[in-house]
Amino acid sequence: MPPNANQAAPSETAPDINPADASDLFEETPRKLTQTLLKTFFTGLTWTAAARGLTSVGTAARYVVFVRLLRPFDFGVIASATLVCAALSAATETRMGQALIQQQDRIDPYLDTLFTTGVIRSLIIGVIMVVFARPLGNFFHLGNSYTVFWAMVPLPILRSIQSPRMISLYRRLDFHLVTVLNVSEVSASFAFGLMAVLYWRDWRGLVFSMLAGAATQAIMTYYLFPHRPRLGFNLDRAKTLLSFGLWFSGGVLCEFIAKQLDNLTVGRLFGPGALGDYQMAFRAGEMPVGEFTMATAVVTFPMAARLRGDRRARMRLFWSIMAVVGVVGIGYTAIIFAFGPQLIMRLFGPAWIRAANPLKVLCVYGLLQGFMVVGRSFLGGLGKPKRYLLASATRAVVLAIAIYPLTAWHGPTGAAVAGVVSILVAIPMMLYLLYSTN
């Protein structure tokens, strides 16, 4: 998915900090190395965690309010369109931005190529969604609501026109403005979305909510990261970024398949109502661990790039994060197993009670997915996207084999079980690949 975090634009003369500077930054005694590492990591994590935490609270509040006002069918319609939009995004994603994070050169010469590639890609996604709206609507049993695919066309475009200079955030490890961006997006999405939901009383309000949030975030990126984007493309610079980005994209695409194949199967077999229930359970199941690991990954990706030459410090950081993920995930899973149905009834209402059983399994899924996200950020930061591709491809293959029979036999709960099985197979491989990286 494209990064939402951003950083104030550097001056024209201020050099970017690049991964090759690790030896200069950390040429100290082991004790000073540890202190510097922890200070850098926890400073970045504090800001990103605050941003993700505030976003989670706002997103949860928005979701609870909207769930009370709309039907599972409406959320199923949005889930179908979001799934298709995300699939097209994953299939066409070049990950040039991630490649630029670990690029040792200055970023300015690459920005026009990065911006132009994103705009062209978003227009291609929009054309596909317009042309295939009716067949996609038939596939997901949406009836006349197939127009949701037309309504979603502006979303990838708004995301693609954000200031490309925000990528400097990751290279300089300065995360303090991410909170402003995330809170602005969630606030606009909730405020404008609530008015739209009250006006239309159907899925159109949810689409408007997403578009309002994306538009606000795009505007804020230019306020915080001033840049005058131009349409321009340099083939040599694109090749430099694609040599890393395409391998990383392959891994992300496989991970997307592994994360969305269950939604596709549930929507196809049981329709938008069941998909709406499953999506609610999925979000609730993965949210606590997912928010923590996404906040952590923003920091660990560039940190791993800087620590390529210090395997001991890198692995110590890795296992510390994995331990925290485990504690958070196990604690949340225990709460859901004990009080899941009661929480659903109180927060969402009786119309959503069918999500209770999938939710229990998806809490386990969220914990395991957190481990995979941490591993992905380390392998990506170490410049080993091919290794991450291998682990995520294995996960996708296992899910593809298990998803249909388990879903057909056990419904949405079976889909959740298939997801858990696929990650259980992939995690040992991911750990082996990480340990064998020098």
Protein backbone atom coordinates (compact mmCIF):
# COMPACT_ATOMS: atom_id res chain seq x y z
CA MET A 1 0.00 0.00 0.00
CA PRO A 2 1.40 3.68 -0.64
CA PRO A 3 2.87 5.39 2.44
CA ASN A 4 0.68 7.81 4.32
CA ALA A 5 3.46 9.27 6.48
CA ASN A 6 5.21 12.47 5.44
CA GLN A 7 7.95 14.86 6.49
CA ALA A 8 8.73 18.52 6.08
CA ALA A 9 10.53 19.19 2.87
CA PRO A 10 14.30 19.53 3.16
CA SER A 11 15.97 22.66 1.90
CA GLU A 12 17.64 22.59 -1.46
CA THR A 13 21.10 22.40 0.13
CA ALA A 14 20.32 19.97 2.93
CA PRO A 15 21.63 16.50 2.08
CA ASP A 16 19.49 13.44 2.66
CA ILE A 17 20.70 10.87 5.12
CA ASN A 18 21.18 7.64 3.24
CA PRO A 19 21.76 4.03 4.25
CA ALA A 20 25.43 4.25 3.39
CA ASP A 21 25.89 6.67 6.27
CA ALA A 22 25.33 3.91 8.84
CA SER A 23 29.03 3.54 9.47
CA ASP A 24 29.35 7.28 10.15
CA LEU A 25 26.35 7.40 12.45
CA PHE A 26 27.13 4.28 14.42
CA GLU A 27 30.96 4.17 14.53
CA GLU A 28 30.90 4.24 18.31
CA THR A 29 31.47 1.83 21.13
CA PRO A 30 28.88 -0.99 21.40
CA ARG A 31 27.25 0.80 24.33
CA LYS A 32 26.90 4.07 22.41
CA LEU A 33 25.71 2.15 19.39
CA THR A 34 22.90 0.61 21.41
CA GLN A 35 21.96 3.95 22.93
CA THR A 36 21.91 5.69 19.57
CA LEU A 37 19.92 2.88 18.01
CA LEU A 38 17.32 2.82 20.76
CA LYS A 39 16.97 6.61 20.82
CA THR A 40 16.46 6.80 17.06
CA PHE A 41 14.07 3.88 17.01
CA PHE A 42 11.91 4.92 19.95
CA THR A 43 11.73 8.55 18.86
CA GLY A 44 10.45 7.50 15.46
CA LEU A 45 8.19 4.85 16.95
CA THR A 46 6.68 7.33 19.41
CA TRP A 47 5.57 9.63 16.62
CA THR A 48 4.35 6.91 14.29
CA ALA A 49 2.60 5.07 17.12
CA ALA A 50 0.88 8.29 18.15
CA ALA A 51 -0.22 8.84 14.57
CA ARG A 52 -1.44 5.29 14.12
CA GLY A 53 -3.09 5.33 17.55
CA LEU A 54 -5.04 8.51 16.86
CA THR A 55 -5.92 7.17 13.42
CA SER A 56 -7.14 3.91 14.93
CA VAL A 57 -9.35 5.71 17.43
CA GLY A 58 -10.80 7.93 14.73
CA THR A 59 -11.24 5.03 12.31
CA ALA A 60 -12.90 2.88 14.96
CA ALA A 61 -15.25 5.70 15.96
CA ARG A 62 -16.12 6.34 12.32
CA TYR A 63 -16.70 2.66 11.69
CA VAL A 64 -18.94 2.21 14.72
CA VAL A 65 -21.06 5.23 13.75
CA PHE A 66 -21.37 4.18 10.11
CA VAL A 67 -22.15 0.58 11.02
CA ARG A 68 -25.05 1.81 13.12
CA LEU A 69 -26.44 3.83 10.22
CA LEU A 70 -25.98 1.40 7.33
CA ARG A 71 -26.54 -2.26 6.45
CA PRO A 72 -24.04 -5.10 6.00
CA PHE A 73 -24.99 -4.98 2.30
CA ASP A 74 -23.64 -1.42 1.99
CA PHE A 75 -20.34 -2.42 3.55
CA GLY A 76 -20.23 -5.45 1.28
CA VAL A 77 -20.64 -3.20 -1.76
CA ILE A 78 -17.78 -0.99 -0.59
CA ALA A 79 -15.66 -4.03 0.27
CA SER A 80 -16.13 -5.36 -3.27
CA ALA A 81 -15.07 -2.08 -4.88
CA THR A 82 -12.19 -1.60 -2.46
CA LEU A 83 -11.01 -5.14 -3.14
CA VAL A 84 -10.92 -4.56 -6.89
CA CYS A 85 -9.27 -1.16 -6.52
CA ALA A 86 -6.64 -2.58 -4.18
CA ALA A 87 -6.04 -5.56 -6.47
CA LEU A 88 -5.39 -3.29 -9.45
CA SER A 89 -3.16 -1.12 -7.29
CA ALA A 90 -1.14 -4.11 -6.09
CA ALA A 91 -0.84 -5.53 -9.62
CA THR A 92 0.48 -2.24 -11.04
CA GLU A 93 2.52 -1.04 -8.04
CA THR A 94 6.18 -0.41 -8.90
CA ARG A 95 7.29 0.35 -5.32
CA MET A 96 9.60 3.03 -6.67
CA GLY A 97 9.06 5.01 -3.48
CA GLN A 98 10.35 2.18 -1.32
CA ALA A 99 13.30 1.79 -3.65
CA LEU A 100 14.08 5.48 -3.23
CA ILE A 101 14.22 5.09 0.56
CA GLN A 102 17.26 2.86 0.36
CA GLN A 103 18.72 4.67 -2.68
CA GLN A 104 22.04 6.33 -1.84
CA ASP A 105 21.60 9.29 -4.20
CA ARG A 106 19.69 12.50 -3.56
CA ILE A 107 15.97 12.18 -4.15
CA ASP A 108 15.25 15.39 -6.11
CA PRO A 109 16.25 14.09 -9.56
CA TYR A 110 13.88 11.14 -9.12
CA LEU A 111 10.74 13.00 -8.01
CA ASP A 112 9.29 13.82 -11.43
CA THR A 113 9.70 10.23 -12.58
CA LEU A 114 8.09 8.99 -9.36
CA PHE A 115 5.15 11.41 -9.67
CA THR A 116 4.54 10.74 -13.39
CA THR A 117 4.61 6.99 -12.95
CA GLY A 118 2.05 7.22 -10.15
CA VAL A 119 -0.33 9.43 -12.15
CA ILE A 120 -0.23 7.20 -15.23
CA ARG A 121 -0.77 4.13 -13.09
CA SER A 122 -3.81 5.66 -11.35
CA LEU A 123 -5.38 6.61 -14.69
CA ILE A 124 -4.98 3.05 -15.95
CA ILE A 125 -6.68 1.74 -12.81
CA GLY A 126 -9.54 4.21 -13.30
CA VAL A 127 -10.11 3.19 -16.92
CA ILE A 128 -10.22 -0.49 -16.00
CA MET A 129 -12.78 0.13 -13.25
CA VAL A 130 -15.00 2.14 -15.59
CA VAL A 131 -14.88 -0.37 -18.43
CA PHE A 132 -15.41 -3.48 -16.30
CA ALA A 133 -17.91 -2.08 -13.78
CA ARG A 134 -20.85 -4.20 -14.94
CA PRO A 135 -19.01 -7.55 -15.13
CA LEU A 136 -17.47 -6.91 -11.72
CA GLY A 137 -20.87 -6.05 -10.30
CA ASN A 138 -22.26 -9.32 -11.62
CA PHE A 139 -19.34 -11.25 -10.15
CA PHE A 140 -20.01 -9.88 -6.66
CA HIS A 141 -23.84 -10.01 -7.01
CA LEU A 142 -24.16 -6.24 -6.55
CA GLY A 143 -27.12 -5.65 -8.87
CA ASN A 144 -27.60 -1.97 -9.70
CA SER A 145 -24.94 -1.04 -7.17
CA TYR A 146 -22.24 -1.88 -9.74
CA THR A 147 -21.90 1.91 -10.12
CA VAL A 148 -19.75 1.82 -7.00
CA PHE A 149 -16.81 1.00 -9.29
CA TRP A 150 -17.38 4.26 -11.18
CA ALA A 151 -17.66 6.19 -7.93
CA MET A 152 -14.31 4.82 -6.71
CA VAL A 153 -12.33 5.96 -9.76
CA PRO A 154 -11.11 9.26 -8.18
CA LEU A 155 -9.60 7.44 -5.17
CA PRO A 156 -6.40 6.09 -6.79
CA ILE A 157 -5.97 9.40 -8.64
CA LEU A 158 -6.11 11.41 -5.41
CA ARG A 159 -3.57 9.11 -3.81
CA SER A 160 -1.21 9.36 -6.78
CA ILE A 161 -1.04 13.18 -6.83
CA GLN A 162 0.30 13.57 -3.30
CA SER A 163 3.56 15.47 -3.01
CA PRO A 164 6.35 13.08 -4.03
CA ARG A 165 8.75 14.86 -1.68
CA MET A 166 7.10 13.17 1.31
CA ILE A 167 9.36 10.18 0.63
CA SER A 168 12.14 12.15 2.32
CA LEU A 169 10.45 11.29 5.62
CA TYR A 170 11.83 7.77 5.55
CA ARG A 171 15.34 8.73 4.51
CA ARG A 172 15.73 11.32 7.27
CA LEU A 173 13.90 9.32 9.94
CA ASP A 174 11.85 12.36 10.97
CA PHE A 175 8.28 11.25 11.68
CA HIS A 176 6.77 14.09 13.70
CA LEU A 177 4.43 15.35 10.96
CA VAL A 178 2.84 11.97 10.32
CA THR A 179 0.42 12.66 13.16
CA VAL A 180 -0.84 15.84 11.49
CA LEU A 181 -1.39 14.05 8.20
CA ASN A 182 -3.18 11.04 9.63
CA VAL A 183 -5.41 13.04 11.95
CA SER A 184 -6.33 15.40 9.12
CA GLU A 185 -7.29 12.50 6.86
CA VAL A 186 -9.39 10.71 9.48
CA SER A 187 -11.09 13.90 10.65
CA ALA A 188 -12.11 14.92 7.14
CA SER A 189 -13.22 11.40 6.30
CA PHE A 190 -15.41 11.22 9.39
CA ALA A 191 -16.91 14.72 9.18
CA PHE A 192 -17.73 14.74 5.47
CA GLY A 193 -18.55 11.05 5.46
CA LEU A 194 -21.09 11.40 8.26
CA MET A 195 -22.91 14.13 6.38
CA ALA A 196 -22.89 12.02 3.22
CA VAL A 197 -24.11 8.88 5.02
CA LEU A 198 -26.94 10.82 6.66
CA TYR A 199 -27.89 12.26 3.27
CA TRP A 200 -27.73 9.12 1.10
CA ARG A 201 -28.20 6.39 3.73
CA ASP A 202 -26.30 3.86 1.60
CA TRP A 203 -22.84 2.97 0.29
CA ARG A 204 -22.45 6.29 -1.50
CA GLY A 205 -21.80 7.97 1.83
CA LEU A 206 -18.91 5.57 2.47
CA VAL A 207 -17.38 6.34 -0.92
CA PHE A 208 -17.64 10.07 -0.25
CA SER A 209 -15.97 9.54 3.13
CA MET A 210 -12.98 7.83 1.51
CA LEU A 211 -12.65 10.47 -1.20
CA ALA A 212 -12.83 13.33 1.31
CA GLY A 213 -10.08 11.79 3.40
CA ALA A 214 -7.83 11.16 0.39
CA ALA A 215 -8.35 14.70 -0.95
CA THR A 216 -7.54 16.24 2.41
CA GLN A 217 -4.38 14.20 2.77
CA ALA A 218 -3.23 15.13 -0.75
CA ILE A 219 -3.68 18.84 0.04
CA MET A 220 -1.83 18.51 3.34
CA THR A 221 1.17 16.84 1.71
CA TYR A 222 1.77 19.94 -0.39
CA TYR A 223 1.32 22.20 2.63
CA LEU A 224 3.83 20.20 4.67
CA PHE A 225 6.12 19.15 1.80
CA PRO A 226 6.11 22.01 -0.73
CA HIS A 227 6.90 20.77 -4.21
CA ARG A 228 5.92 21.72 -7.74
CA PRO A 229 5.29 18.38 -9.47
CA ARG A 230 5.94 18.09 -13.17
CA LEU A 231 5.13 15.38 -15.64
CA GLY A 232 8.46 13.97 -16.71
CA PHE A 233 10.02 10.57 -17.04
CA ASN A 234 13.70 9.58 -17.05
CA LEU A 235 14.21 6.01 -18.19
CA ASP A 236 17.62 5.55 -16.56
CA ARG A 237 16.38 6.74 -13.18
CA ALA A 238 13.26 4.60 -13.51
CA LYS A 239 15.42 1.55 -14.19
CA THR A 240 17.49 2.28 -11.09
CA LEU A 241 14.40 2.31 -8.90
CA LEU A 242 12.65 -0.57 -10.63
CA SER A 243 15.62 -2.88 -10.14
CA PHE A 244 14.68 -2.93 -6.47
CA GLY A 245 11.04 -1.92 -6.59
CA LEU A 246 9.73 -4.65 -8.88
CA TRP A 247 11.06 -7.41 -6.64
CA PHE A 248 9.50 -5.71 -3.65
CA SER A 249 6.29 -5.27 -5.63
CA GLY A 250 6.20 -8.98 -6.35
CA GLY A 251 6.31 -9.74 -2.65
CA VAL A 252 3.63 -7.16 -1.86
CA LEU A 253 1.44 -8.50 -4.66
CA CYS A 254 1.72 -12.04 -3.29
CA GLU A 255 0.93 -10.73 0.18
CA PHE A 256 -2.07 -8.87 -1.20
CA ILE A 257 -3.34 -12.07 -2.82
CA ALA A 258 -2.84 -13.90 0.44
CA LYS A 259 -4.74 -11.19 2.35
CA GLN A 260 -7.58 -10.69 -0.12
CA LEU A 261 -8.27 -14.09 -1.62
CA ASP A 262 -10.48 -14.89 1.36
CA ASN A 263 -12.54 -11.72 0.76
CA LEU A 264 -12.89 -12.59 -2.90
CA THR A 265 -14.04 -16.13 -2.11
CA VAL A 266 -16.52 -15.07 0.57
CA GLY A 267 -17.98 -12.37 -1.68
CA ARG A 268 -18.31 -14.73 -4.62
CA LEU A 269 -19.83 -17.66 -2.68
CA PHE A 270 -22.08 -15.81 -0.22
CA GLY A 271 -22.70 -12.31 -1.62
CA PRO A 272 -22.19 -8.75 -0.26
CA GLY A 273 -24.02 -9.32 3.03
CA ALA A 274 -21.67 -12.09 4.16
CA LEU A 275 -18.70 -10.13 2.82
CA GLY A 276 -19.74 -7.11 4.89
CA ASP A 277 -19.82 -9.29 8.04
CA TYR A 278 -16.47 -10.81 7.19
CA GLN A 279 -14.87 -7.42 6.49
CA MET A 280 -16.02 -6.10 9.83
CA ALA A 281 -14.57 -9.14 11.60
CA PHE A 282 -11.36 -8.83 9.60
CA ARG A 283 -10.84 -5.21 10.54
CA ALA A 284 -11.65 -5.76 14.18
CA GLY A 285 -9.45 -8.86 14.32
CA GLU A 286 -6.29 -7.35 12.88
CA MET A 287 -6.62 -3.75 14.07
CA PRO A 288 -4.61 -3.66 17.35
CA VAL A 289 -1.63 -5.67 16.12
CA GLY A 290 -1.94 -4.24 12.62
CA GLU A 291 -1.78 -0.65 13.80
CA PHE A 292 1.25 -1.35 15.99
CA THR A 293 3.17 -3.24 13.31
CA MET A 294 2.39 -0.66 10.62
CA ALA A 295 3.69 2.08 12.91
CA THR A 296 6.77 -0.01 13.64
CA ALA A 297 7.40 -0.90 9.99
CA VAL A 298 7.59 2.79 9.06
CA VAL A 299 10.61 3.05 11.40
CA THR A 300 12.20 -0.38 11.00
CA PHE A 301 12.45 -0.26 7.21
CA PRO A 302 14.98 2.62 7.13
CA MET A 303 16.56 1.46 10.41
CA ALA A 304 17.32 -1.94 8.91
CA ALA A 305 18.82 -0.19 5.89
CA ARG A 306 21.17 1.70 8.18
CA LEU A 307 22.11 -1.40 10.15
CA ARG A 308 23.09 -3.60 7.25
CA GLY A 309 26.60 -3.90 8.64
CA ASP A 310 25.60 -4.71 12.23
CA ARG A 311 23.78 -8.03 12.29
CA ARG A 312 23.77 -8.32 16.08
CA ALA A 313 22.09 -4.96 16.68
CA ARG A 314 19.65 -5.66 13.84
CA MET A 315 18.52 -9.02 15.18
CA ARG A 316 18.23 -7.67 18.69
CA LEU A 317 15.90 -4.98 17.42
CA PHE A 318 13.95 -7.55 15.40
CA TRP A 319 13.27 -9.89 18.31
CA SER A 320 12.37 -7.03 20.64
CA ILE A 321 9.68 -5.91 18.22
CA MET A 322 8.45 -9.46 17.70
CA ALA A 323 8.07 -9.89 21.47
CA VAL A 324 5.94 -6.77 21.78
CA VAL A 325 3.79 -7.86 18.84
CA GLY A 326 3.27 -11.22 20.54
CA VAL A 327 2.20 -9.65 23.83
CA VAL A 328 -0.25 -7.26 22.18
CA GLY A 329 -1.70 -9.94 19.92
CA ILE A 330 -2.13 -12.61 22.57
CA GLY A 331 -3.75 -10.16 24.98
CA TYR A 332 -6.26 -8.95 22.40
CA THR A 333 -7.04 -12.48 21.25
CA ALA A 334 -7.79 -13.53 24.82
CA ILE A 335 -10.23 -10.63 25.20
CA ILE A 336 -12.07 -11.49 21.98
CA PHE A 337 -12.33 -15.18 22.82
CA ALA A 338 -13.79 -14.30 26.21
CA PHE A 339 -16.08 -11.39 25.28
CA GLY A 340 -16.27 -11.26 21.46
CA PRO A 341 -20.06 -11.73 20.99
CA GLN A 342 -20.90 -9.30 23.77
CA LEU A 343 -18.60 -6.64 22.31
CA ILE A 344 -20.14 -7.02 18.86
CA MET A 345 -23.66 -6.69 20.26
CA ARG A 346 -22.80 -3.55 22.21
CA LEU A 347 -20.65 -1.80 19.61
CA PHE A 348 -22.25 -2.79 16.30
CA GLY A 349 -25.68 -4.18 17.13
CA PRO A 350 -27.41 -7.56 16.62
CA ALA A 351 -27.32 -7.29 12.81
CA TRP A 352 -23.58 -8.07 12.94
CA ILE A 353 -23.60 -11.06 15.32
CA ARG A 354 -22.67 -13.46 12.50
CA ALA A 355 -19.21 -11.93 12.54
CA ALA A 356 -18.47 -13.33 16.01
CA ASN A 357 -17.00 -16.71 14.99
CA PRO A 358 -14.79 -15.39 12.15
CA LEU A 359 -13.58 -12.64 14.48
CA LYS A 360 -12.06 -15.14 16.92
CA VAL A 361 -10.02 -16.80 14.20
CA LEU A 362 -9.07 -13.48 12.62
CA CYS A 363 -7.54 -12.31 15.90
CA VAL A 364 -5.04 -15.16 15.56
CA TYR A 365 -4.59 -14.19 11.93
CA GLY A 366 -3.88 -10.58 12.96
CA LEU A 367 -1.17 -11.71 15.37
CA LEU A 368 0.57 -13.87 12.76
CA GLN A 369 0.19 -11.19 10.11
CA GLY A 370 1.97 -8.79 12.48
CA PHE A 371 4.98 -11.11 12.52
CA MET A 372 5.00 -11.16 8.72
CA VAL A 373 4.88 -7.35 8.49
CA VAL A 374 7.87 -7.02 10.81
CA GLY A 375 9.82 -9.54 8.75
CA ARG A 376 8.89 -7.75 5.53
CA SER A 377 10.15 -4.40 6.81
CA PHE A 378 13.51 -5.90 7.82
CA LEU A 379 14.06 -7.83 4.58
CA GLY A 380 13.04 -4.79 2.54
CA GLY A 381 15.32 -2.48 4.50
CA LEU A 382 18.21 -4.90 4.04
CA GLY A 383 17.75 -4.72 0.29
CA LYS A 384 16.57 -8.33 -0.02
CA PRO A 385 13.15 -8.07 -1.70
CA LYS A 386 13.70 -11.36 -3.53
CA ARG A 387 13.71 -13.20 -0.22
CA TYR A 388 10.52 -11.58 0.92
CA LEU A 389 8.95 -12.48 -2.42
CA LEU A 390 9.73 -16.16 -1.77
CA ALA A 391 8.02 -16.16 1.64
CA SER A 392 4.95 -14.24 0.48
CA ALA A 393 4.60 -16.38 -2.66
CA THR A 394 4.60 -19.52 -0.52
CA ARG A 395 1.87 -18.03 1.64
CA ALA A 396 -0.24 -17.15 -1.41
CA VAL A 397 0.08 -20.65 -2.87
CA VAL A 398 -0.97 -22.32 0.39
CA LEU A 399 -3.98 -20.02 0.70
CA ALA A 400 -4.98 -20.62 -2.91
CA ILE A 401 -5.06 -24.36 -2.21
CA ALA A 402 -6.96 -24.15 1.08
CA ILE A 403 -9.34 -21.24 0.66
CA TYR A 404 -12.12 -22.66 -1.52
CA PRO A 405 -12.77 -25.99 0.24
CA LEU A 406 -12.57 -24.49 3.73
CA THR A 407 -14.85 -21.57 2.81
CA ALA A 408 -17.36 -23.80 1.00
CA TRP A 409 -17.53 -26.18 3.99
CA HIS A 410 -17.37 -23.75 6.90
CA GLY A 411 -18.36 -20.37 5.46
CA PRO A 412 -16.51 -17.18 6.47
CA THR A 413 -14.96 -18.92 9.48
CA GLY A 414 -13.38 -21.43 7.12
CA ALA A 415 -11.92 -18.56 5.08
CA ALA A 416 -10.33 -17.18 8.23
CA VAL A 417 -8.85 -20.60 9.08
CA ALA A 418 -7.34 -20.83 5.59
CA GLY A 419 -5.63 -17.49 6.16
CA VAL A 420 -4.16 -18.66 9.46
CA VAL A 421 -2.84 -21.87 7.88
CA SER A 422 -1.14 -19.95 5.06
CA ILE A 423 0.75 -17.68 7.46
CA LEU A 424 1.80 -20.57 9.70
CA VAL A 425 3.55 -22.09 6.70
CA ALA A 426 5.20 -18.82 5.64
CA ILE A 427 6.56 -17.59 8.98
CA PRO A 428 9.29 -20.26 9.43
CA MET A 429 10.49 -19.58 5.89
CA MET A 430 10.56 -15.85 6.52
CA LEU A 431 12.60 -16.34 9.71
CA TYR A 432 15.08 -18.60 7.94
CA LEU A 433 15.55 -16.10 5.12
CA LEU A 434 16.07 -13.27 7.58
CA TYR A 435 18.60 -15.20 9.66
CA SER A 436 20.57 -16.21 6.58
CA THR A 437 20.91 -12.57 5.48
CA ASN A 438 24.29 -11.13 6.40
